[in-house]
PDB file of N, CA and C in Angstrom:
ATOM      1  N   MET A   1      37.493  90.902 144.868  1.00  0.00           N
ATOM      2  CA  MET A   1      37.495  91.191 146.292  1.00  0.00           C
ATOM      3  C   MET A   1      37.897  92.653 146.554  1.00  0.00           C
ATOM      4  N   ARG A   2      38.892  93.110 145.794  1.00  0.00           N
ATOM      5  CA  ARG A   2      39.348  94.488 145.960  1.00  0.00           C
ATOM      6  C   ARG A   2      38.245  95.469 145.586  1.00  0.00           C
ATOM      7  N   ARG A   3      37.527  95.159 144.537  1.00  0.00           N
ATOM      8  CA  ARG A   3      36.438  96.036 144.093  1.00  0.00           C
ATOM      9  C   ARG A   3      35.336  96.086 145.147  1.00  0.00           C
ATOM     10  N   LEU A   4      35.037  94.950 145.756  1.00  0.00           N
ATOM     11  CA  LEU A   4      34.011  94.891 146.799  1.00  0.00           C
ATOM     12  C   LEU A   4      34.428  95.734 148.011  1.00  0.00           C
ATOM     13  N   MET A   5      35.708  95.692 148.377  1.00  0.00           N
ATOM     14  CA  MET A   5      36.191  96.494 149.500  1.00  0.00           C
ATOM     15  C   MET A   5      36.127  97.985 149.181  1.00  0.00           C
ATOM     16  N   LEU A   6      36.435  98.358 147.944  1.00  0.00           N
ATOM     17  CA  LEU A   6      36.346  99.763 147.552  1.00  0.00           C
ATOM     18  C   LEU A   6      34.904 100.251 147.582  1.00  0.00           C
ATOM     19  N   ILE A   7      33.988  99.414 147.139  1.00  0.00           N
ATOM     20  CA  ILE A   7      32.568  99.787 147.173  1.00  0.00           C
ATOM     21  C   ILE A   7      32.111  99.946 148.622  1.00  0.00           C
ATOM     22  N   GLY A   8      32.513  99.006 149.482  1.00  0.00           N
ATOM     23  CA  GLY A   8      32.155  99.094 150.903  1.00  0.00           C
ATOM     24  C   GLY A   8      32.728 100.333 151.561  1.00  0.00           C
ATOM     25  N   LEU A   9      33.984 100.629 151.232  1.00  0.00           N
ATOM     26  CA  LEU A   9      34.616 101.826 151.781  1.00  0.00           C
ATOM     27  C   LEU A   9      33.920 103.090 151.282  1.00  0.00           C
ATOM     28  N   GLY A  10      33.574 103.106 150.011  1.00  0.00           N
ATOM     29  CA  GLY A  10      32.860 104.258 149.453  1.00  0.00           C
ATOM     30  C   GLY A  10      31.505 104.453 150.103  1.00  0.00           C
ATOM     31  N   LEU A  11      30.787 103.354 150.329  1.00  0.00           N
ATOM     32  CA  LEU A  11      29.487 103.455 151.000  1.00  0.00           C
ATOM     33  C   LEU A  11      29.646 103.953 152.438  1.00  0.00           C
ATOM     34  N   ALA A  12      30.674 103.485 153.125  1.00  0.00           N
ATOM     35  CA  ALA A  12      30.905 103.929 154.499  1.00  0.00           C
ATOM     36  C   ALA A  12      31.221 105.424 154.547  1.00  0.00           C
ATOM     37  N   VAL A  13      32.032 105.892 153.598  1.00  0.00           N
ATOM     38  CA  VAL A  13      32.370 107.321 153.551  1.00  0.00           C
ATOM     39  C   VAL A  13      31.131 108.147 153.238  1.00  0.00           C
ATOM     40  N   MET A  14      30.333 107.696 152.298  1.00  0.00           N
ATOM     41  CA  MET A  14      29.119 108.439 151.945  1.00  0.00           C
ATOM     42  C   MET A  14      28.128 108.453 153.105  1.00  0.00           C
ATOM     43  N   PHE A  15      28.012 107.348 153.818  1.00  0.00           N
ATOM     44  CA  PHE A  15      27.094 107.276 154.954  1.00  0.00           C
ATOM     45  C   PHE A  15      27.555 108.201 156.078  1.00  0.00           C
ATOM     46  N   SER A  16      28.857 108.192 156.387  1.00  0.00           N
ATOM     47  CA  SER A  16      29.355 109.066 157.452  1.00  0.00           C
ATOM     48  C   SER A  16      29.244 110.538 157.056  1.00  0.00           C
ATOM     49  N   ALA A  17      29.435 110.842 155.768  1.00  0.00           N
ATOM     50  CA  ALA A  17      29.283 112.223 155.310  1.00  0.00           C
ATOM     51  C   ALA A  17      27.832 112.672 155.425  1.00  0.00           C
ATOM     52  N   SER A  18      26.899 111.791 155.100  1.00  0.00           N
ATOM     53  CA  SER A  18      25.487 112.166 155.203  1.00  0.00           C
ATOM     54  C   SER A  18      25.081 112.367 156.658  1.00  0.00           C
ATOM     55  N   LEU A  19      25.660 111.576 157.565  1.00  0.00           N
ATOM     56  CA  LEU A  19      25.357 111.773 158.985  1.00  0.00           C
ATOM     57  C   LEU A  19      25.928 113.090 159.501  1.00  0.00           C
ATOM     58  N   SER A  20      27.091 113.476 159.011  1.00  0.00           N
ATOM     59  CA  SER A  20      27.700 114.713 159.490  1.00  0.00           C
ATOM     60  C   SER A  20      27.006 115.946 158.924  1.00  0.00           C
ATOM     61  N   LEU A  21      26.247 115.803 157.858  1.00  0.00           N
ATOM     62  CA  LEU A  21      25.579 116.943 157.234  1.00  0.00           C
ATOM     63  C   LEU A  21      24.086 117.010 157.555  1.00  0.00           C
ATOM     64  N   THR A  22      23.645 116.270 158.561  1.00  0.00           N
ATOM     65  CA  THR A  22      22.216 116.236 158.864  1.00  0.00           C
ATOM     66  C   THR A  22      21.721 117.493 159.557  1.00  0.00           C
ATOM     67  N   GLY A  23      22.597 118.346 160.033  1.00  0.00           N
ATOM     68  CA  GLY A  23      22.166 119.590 160.668  1.00  0.00           C
ATOM     69  C   GLY A  23      22.588 119.639 162.119  1.00  0.00           C
ATOM     70  N   CYS A  24      22.009 120.578 162.834  1.00  0.00           N
ATOM     71  CA  CYS A  24      22.398 120.761 164.224  1.00  0.00           C
ATOM     72  C   CYS A  24      21.789 119.673 165.100  1.00  0.00           C
ATOM     73  N   VAL A  25      22.418 119.440 166.220  1.00  0.00           N
ATOM     74  CA  VAL A  25      21.944 118.450 167.176  1.00  0.00           C
ATOM     75  C   VAL A  25      20.955 119.144 168.099  1.00  0.00           C
ATOM     76  N   VAL A  26      19.806 118.553 168.294  1.00  0.00           N
ATOM     77  CA  VAL A  26      18.775 119.143 169.148  1.00  0.00           C
ATOM     78  C   VAL A  26      19.063 118.756 170.594  1.00  0.00           C
ATOM     79  N   VAL A  27      19.172 119.755 171.452  1.00  0.00           N
ATOM     80  CA  VAL A  27      19.451 119.537 172.864  1.00  0.00           C
ATOM     81  C   VAL A  27      18.314 120.156 173.659  1.00  0.00           C
ATOM     82  N   ALA A  28      17.894 119.467 174.695  1.00  0.00           N
ATOM     83  CA  ALA A  28      16.812 119.980 175.538  1.00  0.00           C
ATOM     84  C   ALA A  28      17.260 121.277 176.212  1.00  0.00           C
ATOM     85  N   PRO A  29      16.372 122.265 176.339  1.00  0.00           N
ATOM     86  CA  PRO A  29      16.749 123.523 176.988  1.00  0.00           C
ATOM     87  C   PRO A  29      17.034 123.316 178.471  1.00  0.00           C
ATOM     88  N   ARG A  30      17.866 124.182 179.003  1.00  0.00           N
ATOM     89  CA  ARG A  30      18.185 124.100 180.423  1.00  0.00           C
ATOM     90  C   ARG A  30      16.967 124.487 181.255  1.00  0.00           C
ATOM     91  N   PRO A  31      16.828 123.914 182.449  1.00  0.00           N
ATOM     92  CA  PRO A  31      15.699 124.292 183.302  1.00  0.00           C
ATOM     93  C   PRO A  31      15.803 125.756 183.724  1.00  0.00           C
ATOM     94  N   HIS A  32      14.652 126.381 183.907  1.00  0.00           N
ATOM     95  CA  HIS A  32      14.616 127.795 184.273  1.00  0.00           C
ATOM     96  C   HIS A  32      14.901 127.951 185.765  1.00  0.00           C
ATOM     97  N   TYR A  33      15.842 128.819 186.076  1.00  0.00           N
ATOM     98  CA  TYR A  33      16.162 129.099 187.468  1.00  0.00           C
ATOM     99  C   TYR A  33      15.658 130.489 187.818  1.00  0.00           C
ATOM    100  N   ALA A  34      15.202 130.641 189.030  1.00  0.00           N
ATOM    101  CA  ALA A  34      14.732 131.947 189.485  1.00  0.00           C
ATOM    102  C   ALA A  34      15.919 132.905 189.557  1.00  0.00           C
ATOM    103  N   ALA A  35      15.674 134.159 189.254  1.00  0.00           N
ATOM    104  CA  ALA A  35      16.736 135.167 189.298  1.00  0.00           C
ATOM    105  C   ALA A  35      17.216 135.325 190.736  1.00  0.00           C
ATOM    106  N   ARG A  36      18.530 135.422 190.894  1.00  0.00           N
ATOM    107  CA  ARG A  36      19.105 135.582 192.223  1.00  0.00           C
ATOM    108  C   ARG A  36      19.814 136.925 192.297  1.00  0.00           C
ATOM    109  N   VAL A  37      19.773 137.527 193.473  1.00  0.00           N
ATOM    110  CA  VAL A  37      20.350 138.858 193.682  1.00  0.00           C
ATOM    111  C   VAL A  37      21.269 138.796 194.896  1.00  0.00           C
ATOM    112  N   TRP A  38      22.430 139.441 194.780  1.00  0.00           N
ATOM    113  CA  TRP A  38      23.350 139.509 195.914  1.00  0.00           C
ATOM    114  C   TRP A  38      22.923 140.638 196.836  1.00  0.00           C
ATOM    115  N   VAL A  39      22.707 140.311 198.109  1.00  0.00           N
ATOM    116  CA  VAL A  39      22.352 141.313 199.117  1.00  0.00           C
ATOM    117  C   VAL A  39      23.618 141.607 199.912  1.00  0.00           C
ATOM    118  N   PRO A  40      24.118 142.841 199.864  1.00  0.00           N
ATOM    119  CA  PRO A  40      25.357 143.145 200.589  1.00  0.00           C
ATOM    120  C   PRO A  40      25.152 143.102 202.104  1.00  0.00           C
ATOM    121  N   ALA A  41      26.259 143.035 202.816  1.00  0.00           N
ATOM    122  CA  ALA A  41      26.204 142.990 204.278  1.00  0.00           C
ATOM    123  C   ALA A  41      25.667 144.311 204.828  1.00  0.00           C
ATOM    124  N   TYR A  42      24.999 144.227 205.973  1.00  0.00           N
ATOM    125  CA  TYR A  42      24.422 145.426 206.584  1.00  0.00           C
ATOM    126  C   TYR A  42      24.203 145.172 208.071  1.00  0.00           C
ATOM    127  N   TYR A  43      23.923 146.239 208.787  1.00  0.00           N
ATOM    128  CA  TYR A  43      23.561 146.131 210.194  1.00  0.00           C
ATOM    129  C   TYR A  43      22.048 146.206 210.305  1.00  0.00           C
ATOM    130  N   ALA A  44      21.467 145.231 210.961  1.00  0.00           N
ATOM    131  CA  ALA A  44      20.016 145.209 211.174  1.00  0.00           C
ATOM    132  C   ALA A  44      19.653 146.292 212.191  1.00  0.00           C
ATOM    133  N   PRO A  45      18.363 146.673 212.243  1.00  0.00           N
ATOM    134  CA  PRO A  45      17.948 147.728 213.183  1.00  0.00           C
ATOM    135  C   PRO A  45      18.313 147.425 214.636  1.00  0.00           C
ATOM    136  N   THR A  46      18.432 146.155 214.991  1.00  0.00           N
ATOM    137  CA  THR A  46      18.783 145.819 216.381  1.00  0.00           C
ATOM    138  C   THR A  46      20.288 145.861 216.617  1.00  0.00           C
ATOM    139  N   GLY A  47      21.080 146.241 215.591  1.00  0.00           N
ATOM    140  CA  GLY A  47      22.529 146.330 215.734  1.00  0.00           C
ATOM    141  C   GLY A  47      23.253 145.038 215.396  1.00  0.00           C
ATOM    142  N   VAL A  48      22.529 144.049 214.911  1.00  0.00           N
ATOM    143  CA  VAL A  48      23.140 142.770 214.546  1.00  0.00           C
ATOM    144  C   VAL A  48      23.688 142.879 213.130  1.00  0.00           C
ATOM    145  N   TYR A  49      24.934 142.399 212.942  1.00  0.00           N
ATOM    146  CA  TYR A  49      25.563 142.433 211.619  1.00  0.00           C
ATOM    147  C   TYR A  49      25.071 141.241 210.807  1.00  0.00           C
ATOM    148  N   VAL A  50      24.530 141.521 209.619  1.00  0.00           N
ATOM    149  CA  VAL A  50      24.053 140.474 208.716  1.00  0.00           C
ATOM    150  C   VAL A  50      25.008 140.434 207.537  1.00  0.00           C
ATOM    151  N   SER A  51      25.662 139.279 207.338  1.00  0.00           N
ATOM    152  CA  SER A  51      26.644 139.180 206.248  1.00  0.00           C
ATOM    153  C   SER A  51      25.931 139.100 204.903  1.00  0.00           C
ATOM    154  N   GLY A  52      26.686 139.376 203.846  1.00  0.00           N
ATOM    155  CA  GLY A  52      26.119 139.331 202.500  1.00  0.00           C
ATOM    156  C   GLY A  52      25.673 137.923 202.130  1.00  0.00           C
ATOM    157  N   HIS A  53      24.649 137.837 201.307  1.00  0.00           N
ATOM    158  CA  HIS A  53      24.111 136.531 200.919  1.00  0.00           C
ATOM    159  C   HIS A  53      23.323 136.656 199.621  1.00  0.00           C
ATOM    160  N   TRP A  54      23.065 135.517 199.014  1.00  0.00           N
ATOM    161  CA  TRP A  54      22.247 135.476 197.798  1.00  0.00           C
ATOM    162  C   TRP A  54      20.781 135.376 198.184  1.00  0.00           C
ATOM    163  N   HIS A  55      19.954 136.168 197.530  1.00  0.00           N
ATOM    164  CA  HIS A  55      18.507 136.155 197.786  1.00  0.00           C
ATOM    165  C   HIS A  55      17.799 135.828 196.478  1.00  0.00           C
ATOM    166  N   SER A  56      16.890 134.843 196.545  1.00  0.00           N
ATOM    167  CA  SER A  56      16.161 134.488 195.314  1.00  0.00           C
ATOM    168  C   SER A  56      14.749 135.017 195.344  1.00  0.00           C
TER     169      SER A  56
END
């Protein structure tokens, strides 16, 4: 019985080691987002103050 448990333990260790050495994990790439630019605050030609905002 002891020998059977040692064999089982050895197989489990070898199996877990082989799983850990399989290489890198493949992950799907992130979705592409459009570039965004910060537009600083300014006064419009009509004298209206436009606060800063993100523009895509």
